[in-house]
Amino acid sequence: MDAQSIFDTVCRHLIIQGQRAATSTGACRYRAKDHEGVVLKCAVGVLIPDAEYQPWMDDTGPITSVLNRARETPRHMTPTLALLDPHEKVLLRLQETHDDDDWGEDNMFLRLGLRGIAPQFGLSIDVLVAAEKEKGLPVLAGE
């Protein structure tokens, strides 16, 4: 798993999902149910298969803390966390963008935030733009 495939997967997921994975009090979670009982996944949660997800992850906090705990307690280091470990910085930026309280109309702030991450890590936004088109979101200025 490389940084581009992580970015592509997360961008597509967040755009199509269209809302944060958060509790009714607004606390972000790797997995959360919306008001209809649909399971939502955060920017990092979408990368963790259901078979490897553990509730302790939600209580631990950001991906940096989850990875630290997994490094310290080998039974928590799943195959996917091991693959994600080298990409901690891009994962944290994606998670921070997801966790922002206000995504704005048409998820504008989320979309701008994702675009801001791409150049920091030398990533393409092609999949992001395609997901926006698929979702029917307005094209951003300059594209």
N, C-alpha and C. Protein backbone atom coordinates (compact mmCIF):
# COMPACT_ATOMS: atom_id res chain seq x y z
N MET A 1 0.85 -1.18 0.00
CA MET A 1 0.00 0.00 0.00
C MET A 1 0.90 1.24 0.00
N ASP A 2 0.73 2.09 -1.01
CA ASP A 2 1.52 3.30 -1.06
C ASP A 2 0.65 4.52 -0.74
N ALA A 3 1.30 5.68 -0.61
CA ALA A 3 0.58 6.89 -0.21
C ALA A 3 -0.51 7.27 -1.22
N GLN A 4 -0.26 7.07 -2.51
CA GLN A 4 -1.26 7.43 -3.52
C GLN A 4 -2.49 6.54 -3.40
N SER A 5 -2.31 5.25 -3.21
CA SER A 5 -3.48 4.36 -3.08
C SER A 5 -4.26 4.66 -1.81
N ILE A 6 -3.55 5.02 -0.74
CA ILE A 6 -4.23 5.42 0.50
C ILE A 6 -5.06 6.68 0.24
N PHE A 7 -4.43 7.69 -0.37
CA PHE A 7 -5.11 8.95 -0.65
C PHE A 7 -6.33 8.73 -1.54
N ASP A 8 -6.17 7.94 -2.58
CA ASP A 8 -7.27 7.67 -3.51
C ASP A 8 -8.44 6.99 -2.80
N THR A 9 -8.14 5.97 -2.01
CA THR A 9 -9.18 5.22 -1.30
C THR A 9 -9.93 6.13 -0.33
N VAL A 10 -9.18 6.92 0.43
CA VAL A 10 -9.79 7.80 1.42
C VAL A 10 -10.63 8.89 0.75
N CYS A 11 -10.08 9.53 -0.27
CA CYS A 11 -10.82 10.60 -0.95
C CYS A 11 -12.12 10.08 -1.53
N ARG A 12 -12.05 8.98 -2.25
CA ARG A 12 -13.26 8.44 -2.85
C ARG A 12 -14.28 8.09 -1.78
N HIS A 13 -13.84 7.44 -0.73
CA HIS A 13 -14.75 7.06 0.36
C HIS A 13 -15.41 8.27 0.99
N LEU A 14 -14.63 9.28 1.37
CA LEU A 14 -15.20 10.43 2.06
C LEU A 14 -16.17 11.20 1.17
N ILE A 15 -15.84 11.36 -0.09
CA ILE A 15 -16.73 12.08 -1.00
C ILE A 15 -18.04 11.31 -1.18
N ILE A 16 -17.96 10.02 -1.41
CA ILE A 16 -19.17 9.23 -1.63
C ILE A 16 -19.98 9.11 -0.33
N GLN A 17 -19.32 8.88 0.80
CA GLN A 17 -20.03 8.79 2.08
C GLN A 17 -20.70 10.13 2.41
N GLY A 18 -19.99 11.23 2.18
CA GLY A 18 -20.58 12.55 2.30
C GLY A 18 -20.81 13.07 3.71
N GLN A 19 -20.34 12.38 4.72
CA GLN A 19 -20.48 12.86 6.09
C GLN A 19 -19.41 12.23 6.98
N ARG A 20 -19.16 12.90 8.11
CA ARG A 20 -18.16 12.43 9.07
C ARG A 20 -18.65 11.17 9.78
N ALA A 21 -17.72 10.32 10.18
CA ALA A 21 -18.03 9.19 11.05
C ALA A 21 -17.88 9.70 12.48
N ALA A 22 -19.01 10.06 13.08
CA ALA A 22 -18.97 10.68 14.40
C ALA A 22 -20.16 10.24 15.24
N THR A 23 -20.00 10.33 16.55
CA THR A 23 -21.08 10.02 17.47
C THR A 23 -22.11 11.15 17.44
N SER A 24 -23.21 10.95 18.12
CA SER A 24 -24.25 11.99 18.18
C SER A 24 -23.75 13.26 18.88
N THR A 25 -22.68 13.14 19.66
CA THR A 25 -22.10 14.31 20.32
C THR A 25 -21.01 14.97 19.48
N GLY A 26 -20.73 14.40 18.30
CA GLY A 26 -19.75 14.98 17.39
C GLY A 26 -18.35 14.42 17.49
N ALA A 27 -18.13 13.45 18.38
CA ALA A 27 -16.80 12.85 18.51
C ALA A 27 -16.54 11.91 17.34
N CYS A 28 -15.44 12.13 16.63
CA CYS A 28 -15.11 11.29 15.48
C CYS A 28 -14.68 9.90 15.95
N ARG A 29 -15.01 8.93 15.13
CA ARG A 29 -14.72 7.53 15.40
C ARG A 29 -14.25 6.85 14.13
N TYR A 30 -13.50 5.77 14.30
CA TYR A 30 -13.10 4.97 13.14
C TYR A 30 -14.33 4.31 12.53
N ARG A 31 -15.28 3.94 13.38
CA ARG A 31 -16.57 3.40 12.97
C ARG A 31 -17.64 4.10 13.80
N ALA A 32 -18.70 4.55 13.15
CA ALA A 32 -19.83 5.17 13.85
C ALA A 32 -21.09 4.91 13.04
N LYS A 33 -22.21 4.86 13.70
CA LYS A 33 -23.49 4.69 12.99
C LYS A 33 -24.18 6.03 12.87
N ASP A 34 -24.79 6.26 11.70
CA ASP A 34 -25.57 7.48 11.54
C ASP A 34 -26.95 7.28 12.16
N HIS A 35 -27.84 8.27 12.02
CA HIS A 35 -29.16 8.23 12.66
C HIS A 35 -30.04 7.11 12.09
N GLU A 36 -29.66 6.54 10.94
CA GLU A 36 -30.41 5.43 10.36
C GLU A 36 -29.76 4.08 10.63
N GLY A 37 -28.66 4.09 11.37
CA GLY A 37 -27.97 2.85 11.70
C GLY A 37 -26.95 2.40 10.68
N VAL A 38 -26.69 3.23 9.67
CA VAL A 38 -25.69 2.91 8.67
C VAL A 38 -24.30 3.14 9.26
N VAL A 39 -23.41 2.17 9.07
CA VAL A 39 -22.06 2.30 9.60
C VAL A 39 -21.25 3.24 8.71
N LEU A 40 -20.69 4.27 9.33
CA LEU A 40 -19.83 5.23 8.67
C LEU A 40 -18.39 4.94 9.07
N LYS A 41 -17.46 5.26 8.20
CA LYS A 41 -16.05 5.06 8.49
C LYS A 41 -15.29 6.35 8.26
N CYS A 42 -14.34 6.62 9.14
CA CYS A 42 -13.53 7.83 9.00
C CYS A 42 -12.46 7.63 7.94
N ALA A 43 -11.63 8.64 7.76
CA ALA A 43 -10.58 8.61 6.74
C ALA A 43 -9.63 7.43 6.92
N VAL A 44 -9.32 7.09 8.14
CA VAL A 44 -8.44 5.94 8.40
C VAL A 44 -9.27 4.67 8.56
N GLY A 45 -10.44 4.79 9.15
CA GLY A 45 -11.29 3.62 9.37
C GLY A 45 -11.63 2.87 8.10
N VAL A 46 -11.75 3.58 6.99
CA VAL A 46 -12.08 2.92 5.72
C VAL A 46 -10.95 2.00 5.27
N LEU A 47 -9.75 2.24 5.73
CA LEU A 47 -8.59 1.43 5.34
C LEU A 47 -8.44 0.18 6.19
N ILE A 48 -9.15 0.12 7.30
CA ILE A 48 -9.04 -1.01 8.23
C ILE A 48 -10.20 -1.97 7.97
N PRO A 49 -9.90 -3.19 7.52
CA PRO A 49 -10.98 -4.15 7.26
C PRO A 49 -11.80 -4.42 8.52
N ASP A 50 -13.06 -4.72 8.33
CA ASP A 50 -13.94 -5.00 9.48
C ASP A 50 -13.36 -6.09 10.38
N ALA A 51 -12.72 -7.10 9.79
CA ALA A 51 -12.17 -8.21 10.58
C ALA A 51 -11.02 -7.76 11.48
N GLU A 52 -10.38 -6.63 11.16
CA GLU A 52 -9.25 -6.15 11.96
C GLU A 52 -9.62 -4.98 12.87
N TYR A 53 -10.76 -4.37 12.62
CA TYR A 53 -11.18 -3.24 13.46
C TYR A 53 -11.46 -3.71 14.87
N GLN A 54 -11.01 -2.92 15.85
CA GLN A 54 -11.26 -3.20 17.26
C GLN A 54 -11.75 -1.92 17.93
N PRO A 55 -12.76 -2.01 18.80
CA PRO A 55 -13.28 -0.80 19.46
C PRO A 55 -12.24 0.01 20.23
N TRP A 56 -11.16 -0.62 20.70
CA TRP A 56 -10.13 0.14 21.42
C TRP A 56 -9.55 1.26 20.55
N MET A 57 -9.61 1.08 19.23
CA MET A 57 -9.06 2.10 18.33
C MET A 57 -9.79 3.43 18.51
N ASP A 58 -11.12 3.37 18.65
CA ASP A 58 -11.90 4.58 18.84
C ASP A 58 -11.55 5.29 20.13
N ASP A 59 -11.26 4.52 21.17
CA ASP A 59 -10.95 5.10 22.47
C ASP A 59 -9.51 5.60 22.56
N THR A 60 -8.68 5.19 21.61
CA THR A 60 -7.26 5.54 21.65
C THR A 60 -6.98 6.89 21.03
N GLY A 61 -7.78 7.28 20.03
CA GLY A 61 -7.59 8.60 19.43
C GLY A 61 -7.05 8.54 18.02
N PRO A 62 -6.22 9.53 17.66
CA PRO A 62 -5.74 9.63 16.27
C PRO A 62 -4.85 8.45 15.89
N ILE A 63 -4.64 8.31 14.60
CA ILE A 63 -3.87 7.18 14.08
C ILE A 63 -2.48 7.11 14.70
N THR A 64 -1.88 8.23 15.03
CA THR A 64 -0.56 8.19 15.67
C THR A 64 -0.62 7.42 16.98
N SER A 65 -1.66 7.65 17.77
CA SER A 65 -1.82 6.94 19.04
C SER A 65 -2.14 5.47 18.83
N VAL A 66 -2.96 5.17 17.83
CA VAL A 66 -3.30 3.77 17.53
C VAL A 66 -2.03 3.02 17.11
N LEU A 67 -1.25 3.62 16.23
CA LEU A 67 -0.01 2.96 15.80
C LEU A 67 0.98 2.81 16.94
N ASN A 68 1.10 3.83 17.80
CA ASN A 68 1.99 3.71 18.96
C ASN A 68 1.57 2.55 19.86
N ARG A 69 0.27 2.45 20.11
CA ARG A 69 -0.21 1.35 20.96
C ARG A 69 0.05 0.00 20.30
N ALA A 70 -0.15 -0.07 18.99
CA ALA A 70 0.09 -1.32 18.28
C ALA A 70 1.57 -1.69 18.29
N ARG A 71 2.44 -0.70 18.20
CA ARG A 71 3.89 -0.98 18.26
C ARG A 71 4.29 -1.47 19.65
N GLU A 72 3.67 -0.91 20.68
CA GLU A 72 3.99 -1.27 22.06
C GLU A 72 3.37 -2.60 22.48
N THR A 73 2.23 -2.92 21.89
CA THR A 73 1.51 -4.15 22.24
C THR A 73 1.31 -4.95 20.96
N PRO A 74 2.24 -5.85 20.64
CA PRO A 74 2.22 -6.55 19.36
C PRO A 74 0.89 -7.24 19.01
N ARG A 75 0.11 -7.66 19.99
CA ARG A 75 -1.16 -8.31 19.65
C ARG A 75 -2.14 -7.34 19.00
N HIS A 76 -1.89 -6.02 19.14
CA HIS A 76 -2.74 -5.01 18.51
C HIS A 76 -2.29 -4.66 17.08
N MET A 77 -1.07 -5.11 16.70
CA MET A 77 -0.55 -4.79 15.38
C MET A 77 -1.15 -5.75 14.36
N THR A 78 -2.19 -5.29 13.68
CA THR A 78 -2.84 -6.10 12.65
C THR A 78 -2.04 -6.01 11.35
N PRO A 79 -2.29 -6.91 10.40
CA PRO A 79 -1.59 -6.81 9.12
C PRO A 79 -1.80 -5.45 8.44
N THR A 80 -3.00 -4.91 8.52
CA THR A 80 -3.26 -3.62 7.88
C THR A 80 -2.56 -2.49 8.61
N LEU A 81 -2.57 -2.48 9.93
CA LEU A 81 -1.85 -1.43 10.66
C LEU A 81 -0.36 -1.48 10.32
N ALA A 82 0.19 -2.66 10.15
CA ALA A 82 1.60 -2.78 9.76
C ALA A 82 1.84 -2.16 8.39
N LEU A 83 0.91 -2.33 7.47
CA LEU A 83 1.03 -1.71 6.13
C LEU A 83 0.86 -0.19 6.18
N LEU A 84 0.01 0.27 7.09
CA LEU A 84 -0.25 1.71 7.21
C LEU A 84 0.86 2.44 7.96
N ASP A 85 1.57 1.75 8.81
CA ASP A 85 2.56 2.35 9.71
C ASP A 85 3.53 3.31 9.00
N PRO A 86 4.10 2.96 7.85
CA PRO A 86 5.05 3.88 7.20
C PRO A 86 4.40 5.17 6.68
N HIS A 87 3.08 5.21 6.64
CA HIS A 87 2.36 6.36 6.07
C HIS A 87 1.65 7.19 7.14
N GLU A 88 2.18 7.16 8.33
CA GLU A 88 1.56 7.82 9.47
C GLU A 88 1.27 9.30 9.22
N LYS A 89 2.18 10.01 8.58
CA LYS A 89 2.00 11.46 8.40
C LYS A 89 0.83 11.77 7.47
N VAL A 90 0.75 11.11 6.32
CA VAL A 90 -0.37 11.37 5.42
C VAL A 90 -1.68 10.91 6.04
N LEU A 91 -1.65 9.80 6.78
CA LEU A 91 -2.86 9.32 7.46
C LEU A 91 -3.36 10.33 8.48
N LEU A 92 -2.45 10.91 9.23
CA LEU A 92 -2.84 11.89 10.23
C LEU A 92 -3.47 13.12 9.57
N ARG A 93 -2.88 13.59 8.48
CA ARG A 93 -3.45 14.75 7.78
C ARG A 93 -4.85 14.43 7.24
N LEU A 94 -5.02 13.23 6.68
CA LEU A 94 -6.34 12.83 6.18
C LEU A 94 -7.34 12.75 7.33
N GLN A 95 -6.91 12.20 8.45
CA GLN A 95 -7.79 12.08 9.61
C GLN A 95 -8.16 13.45 10.16
N GLU A 96 -7.21 14.35 10.23
CA GLU A 96 -7.50 15.71 10.71
C GLU A 96 -8.52 16.40 9.80
N THR A 97 -8.38 16.20 8.51
CA THR A 97 -9.32 16.80 7.56
C THR A 97 -10.71 16.22 7.75
N HIS A 98 -10.80 14.92 7.94
CA HIS A 98 -12.10 14.28 8.22
C HIS A 98 -12.72 14.82 9.49
N ASP A 99 -11.90 15.00 10.52
CA ASP A 99 -12.40 15.34 11.85
C ASP A 99 -12.85 16.79 11.99
N ASP A 100 -12.56 17.63 11.01
CA ASP A 100 -12.99 19.02 11.05
C ASP A 100 -14.51 19.06 11.21
N ASP A 101 -15.00 19.87 12.13
CA ASP A 101 -16.43 19.94 12.43
C ASP A 101 -17.29 20.43 11.28
N ASP A 102 -16.74 21.27 10.42
CA ASP A 102 -17.56 21.90 9.39
C ASP A 102 -17.02 21.55 8.01
N TRP A 103 -17.72 20.66 7.31
CA TRP A 103 -17.30 20.31 5.95
C TRP A 103 -17.83 21.32 4.94
N GLY A 104 -18.78 22.14 5.35
CA GLY A 104 -19.33 23.18 4.47
C GLY A 104 -20.35 22.65 3.47
N GLU A 105 -20.98 23.60 2.80
CA GLU A 105 -21.97 23.25 1.78
C GLU A 105 -21.28 22.50 0.65
N ASP A 106 -21.92 21.43 0.18
CA ASP A 106 -21.34 20.55 -0.85
C ASP A 106 -19.98 19.99 -0.42
N ASN A 107 -19.78 19.88 0.90
CA ASN A 107 -18.51 19.39 1.46
C ASN A 107 -17.29 20.18 0.96
N MET A 108 -17.51 21.46 0.72
CA MET A 108 -16.47 22.32 0.14
C MET A 108 -15.19 22.35 0.97
N PHE A 109 -15.30 22.48 2.30
CA PHE A 109 -14.10 22.56 3.12
C PHE A 109 -13.36 21.24 3.15
N LEU A 110 -14.08 20.13 3.16
CA LEU A 110 -13.45 18.82 3.07
C LEU A 110 -12.68 18.71 1.76
N ARG A 111 -13.33 19.05 0.68
CA ARG A 111 -12.73 18.93 -0.65
C ARG A 111 -11.48 19.80 -0.79
N LEU A 112 -11.56 21.02 -0.26
CA LEU A 112 -10.39 21.90 -0.29
C LEU A 112 -9.27 21.35 0.60
N GLY A 113 -9.65 20.81 1.74
CA GLY A 113 -8.66 20.22 2.64
C GLY A 113 -7.93 19.06 2.00
N LEU A 114 -8.67 18.20 1.30
CA LEU A 114 -8.05 17.07 0.62
C LEU A 114 -7.11 17.56 -0.48
N ARG A 115 -7.52 18.59 -1.20
CA ARG A 115 -6.66 19.17 -2.24
C ARG A 115 -5.38 19.76 -1.63
N GLY A 116 -5.47 20.28 -0.42
CA GLY A 116 -4.30 20.84 0.24
C GLY A 116 -3.30 19.79 0.67
N ILE A 117 -3.77 18.58 0.93
CA ILE A 117 -2.89 17.49 1.34
C ILE A 117 -2.07 16.96 0.16
N ALA A 118 -2.70 16.88 -1.00
CA ALA A 118 -2.06 16.26 -2.17
C ALA A 118 -0.66 16.80 -2.47
N PRO A 119 -0.47 18.12 -2.61
CA PRO A 119 0.88 18.60 -2.95
C PRO A 119 1.90 18.39 -1.83
N GLN A 120 1.44 18.33 -0.59
CA GLN A 120 2.37 18.11 0.53
C GLN A 120 3.07 16.75 0.42
N PHE A 121 2.39 15.80 -0.23
CA PHE A 121 2.92 14.44 -0.33
C PHE A 121 3.15 14.01 -1.78
N GLY A 122 3.04 14.95 -2.72
CA GLY A 122 3.27 14.65 -4.13
C GLY A 122 2.22 13.72 -4.72
N LEU A 123 0.95 13.93 -4.34
CA LEU A 123 -0.12 13.03 -4.76
C LEU A 123 -1.02 13.65 -5.82
N SER A 124 -1.57 12.81 -6.65
CA SER A 124 -2.52 13.23 -7.68
C SER A 124 -3.92 13.32 -7.09
N ILE A 125 -4.73 14.27 -7.60
CA ILE A 125 -6.11 14.39 -7.15
C ILE A 125 -7.10 13.83 -8.17
N ASP A 126 -6.63 13.07 -9.14
CA ASP A 126 -7.51 12.55 -10.19
C ASP A 126 -8.69 11.74 -9.63
N VAL A 127 -8.45 10.87 -8.68
CA VAL A 127 -9.53 10.05 -8.11
C VAL A 127 -10.49 10.93 -7.31
N LEU A 128 -9.98 11.93 -6.62
CA LEU A 128 -10.83 12.88 -5.89
C LEU A 128 -11.77 13.59 -6.85
N VAL A 129 -11.24 14.11 -7.93
CA VAL A 129 -12.06 14.83 -8.91
C VAL A 129 -13.10 13.88 -9.52
N ALA A 130 -12.71 12.66 -9.83
CA ALA A 130 -13.65 11.69 -10.40
C ALA A 130 -14.77 11.37 -9.41
N ALA A 131 -14.44 11.24 -8.13
CA ALA A 131 -15.46 10.96 -7.11
C ALA A 131 -16.43 12.13 -6.97
N GLU A 132 -15.90 13.34 -7.03
CA GLU A 132 -16.76 14.53 -6.97
C GLU A 132 -17.74 14.56 -8.14
N LYS A 133 -17.25 14.23 -9.32
CA LYS A 133 -18.12 14.20 -10.50
C LYS A 133 -19.18 13.10 -10.33
N GLU A 134 -18.74 11.93 -9.85
CA GLU A 134 -19.68 10.83 -9.64
C GLU A 134 -20.77 11.22 -8.65
N LYS A 135 -20.40 11.95 -7.64
CA LYS A 135 -21.35 12.37 -6.60
C LYS A 135 -22.20 13.57 -7.07
N GLY A 136 -21.82 14.18 -8.18
CA GLY A 136 -22.58 15.32 -8.71
C GLY A 136 -22.26 16.62 -8.01
N LEU A 137 -21.09 16.72 -7.41
CA LEU A 137 -20.70 17.96 -6.71
C LEU A 137 -20.22 18.98 -7.73
N PRO A 138 -20.43 20.26 -7.43
CA PRO A 138 -19.99 21.31 -8.36
C PRO A 138 -18.46 21.30 -8.50
N VAL A 139 -18.01 21.59 -9.70
CA VAL A 139 -16.58 21.67 -9.97
C VAL A 139 -16.01 22.87 -9.24
N LEU A 140 -14.83 22.69 -8.64
CA LEU A 140 -14.18 23.80 -7.95
C LEU A 140 -13.50 24.71 -8.96
N ALA A 141 -13.40 25.98 -8.61
CA ALA A 141 -12.77 26.97 -9.49
C ALA A 141 -11.34 26.53 -9.81
N GLY A 142 -10.94 26.75 -11.06
CA GLY A 142 -9.58 26.42 -11.46
C GLY A 142 -9.42 25.01 -11.96
N GLU A 143 -10.51 24.25 -12.04
CA GLU A 143 -10.41 22.86 -12.53
C GLU A 143 -11.19 22.70 -13.81
